[in-house]
């Protein structure tokens, strides 16, 4: 069993490379999962892995890359049996 972090990041987070920067961070931390833009202008992600790297990616999401302007991060923790093999950017 492993930990799962589900986040929804709001603010100026679309059209500024947020998903791509998040993927670089996630892969660097050894996390798997996915990230996508939502119709309401926010970004949603599922990060999977060990607790410490997940806490690090949560802290990163609260700031995002320099060109983003994060105004809020809703998050939820859970556990799962199966894990994605990679970290993907979804459309």
Protein backbone atom coordinates (compact mmCIF):
# COMPACT_ATOMS: atom_id res chain seq x y z
CA UNK A 1 0.00 0.00 0.00
CA UNK A 2 1.19 3.51 -0.76
CA UNK A 3 0.03 7.06 -0.14
CA UNK A 4 -1.95 9.16 -2.60
CA UNK A 5 -2.21 12.95 -2.61
CA UNK A 6 -5.03 14.48 -4.65
CA UNK A 7 -4.76 18.25 -5.18
CA UNK A 8 -6.70 21.01 -6.92
CA UNK A 9 -4.63 24.16 -7.42
CA UNK A 10 -6.37 27.45 -8.20
CA UNK A 11 -5.10 30.83 -9.35
CA UNK A 12 -3.19 31.67 -12.52
CA UNK A 13 -2.09 28.08 -13.10
CA UNK A 14 -3.13 27.38 -16.70
CA UNK A 15 -1.15 28.57 -19.69
CA UNK A 16 1.95 29.18 -17.57
CA UNK A 17 3.61 25.73 -17.71
CA UNK A 18 2.34 24.62 -14.30
CA UNK A 19 1.60 21.04 -15.41
CA UNK A 20 4.99 20.62 -17.05
CA UNK A 21 6.88 22.05 -14.08
CA UNK A 22 4.85 19.84 -11.70
CA UNK A 23 5.75 16.78 -13.76
CA UNK A 24 9.47 17.63 -13.53
CA UNK A 25 9.14 18.04 -9.74
CA UNK A 26 7.12 14.83 -9.34
CA UNK A 27 9.49 12.71 -11.42
CA UNK A 28 12.46 14.17 -9.56
CA UNK A 29 10.85 13.10 -6.28
CA UNK A 30 10.14 9.59 -7.58
CA UNK A 31 6.37 10.08 -7.69
CA UNK A 32 3.87 8.70 -10.19
CA UNK A 33 0.33 9.76 -11.12
CA UNK A 34 -1.15 12.43 -13.39
CA UNK A 35 -1.99 16.12 -13.75
CA UNK A 36 -4.56 17.92 -15.89
CA UNK A 37 -6.23 21.27 -16.51
CA UNK A 38 -9.84 21.65 -15.42
CA UNK A 39 -12.58 23.62 -17.17
CA UNK A 40 -12.84 26.06 -14.24
CA UNK A 41 -9.24 27.25 -14.74
CA UNK A 42 -7.71 25.18 -11.95
CA UNK A 43 -5.25 22.29 -12.19
CA UNK A 44 -5.96 18.86 -10.69
CA UNK A 45 -3.34 16.23 -9.87
CA UNK A 46 -2.95 12.81 -8.32
CA UNK A 47 0.49 12.14 -6.87
CA UNK A 48 1.42 8.63 -5.69
CA UNK A 49 4.38 7.45 -3.63
CA UNK A 50 6.01 7.73 -0.21
CA UNK A 51 4.72 10.24 2.32
CA UNK A 52 7.80 12.50 2.54
CA UNK A 53 8.07 13.20 -1.22
CA UNK A 54 4.30 13.74 -1.30
CA UNK A 55 4.60 16.38 1.41
CA UNK A 56 7.36 18.02 -0.64
CA UNK A 57 5.23 18.15 -3.80
CA UNK A 58 2.33 19.58 -1.77
CA UNK A 59 4.62 22.39 -0.56
CA UNK A 60 5.75 22.95 -4.16
CA UNK A 61 2.11 23.13 -5.37
CA UNK A 62 1.43 25.90 -2.87
CA UNK A 63 3.99 28.07 -4.69
CA UNK A 64 4.21 26.56 -8.16
CA UNK A 65 6.68 27.77 -10.76
CA UNK A 66 7.77 31.43 -10.76
CA UNK A 67 5.40 32.40 -13.59
CA UNK A 68 2.30 31.01 -11.84
CA UNK A 69 0.21 32.73 -9.17
CA UNK A 70 -1.31 30.17 -6.80
CA UNK A 71 -4.26 31.41 -4.74
CA UNK A 72 -5.35 28.11 -3.20
CA UNK A 73 -4.58 24.41 -2.89
CA UNK A 74 -7.25 21.94 -1.82
CA UNK A 75 -5.80 18.54 -0.97
CA UNK A 76 -6.88 15.13 0.22
CA UNK A 77 -4.84 12.14 1.42
CA UNK A 78 -5.71 8.51 0.77
CA UNK A 79 -4.13 5.09 0.25
CA UNK A 80 -4.23 2.78 -2.74
CA UNK A 81 -3.12 -0.69 -3.73
CA UNK A 82 -2.21 0.02 -7.35
CA UNK A 83 0.11 2.73 -8.58
CA UNK A 84 0.60 4.34 -11.99
CA UNK A 85 3.88 3.37 -13.66
CA UNK A 86 4.77 6.93 -14.69
CA UNK A 87 3.69 10.52 -14.16
CA UNK A 88 1.62 11.77 -17.08
CA UNK A 89 0.22 15.07 -18.23
CA UNK A 90 -3.40 14.61 -19.23
CA UNK A 91 -5.39 16.83 -21.56
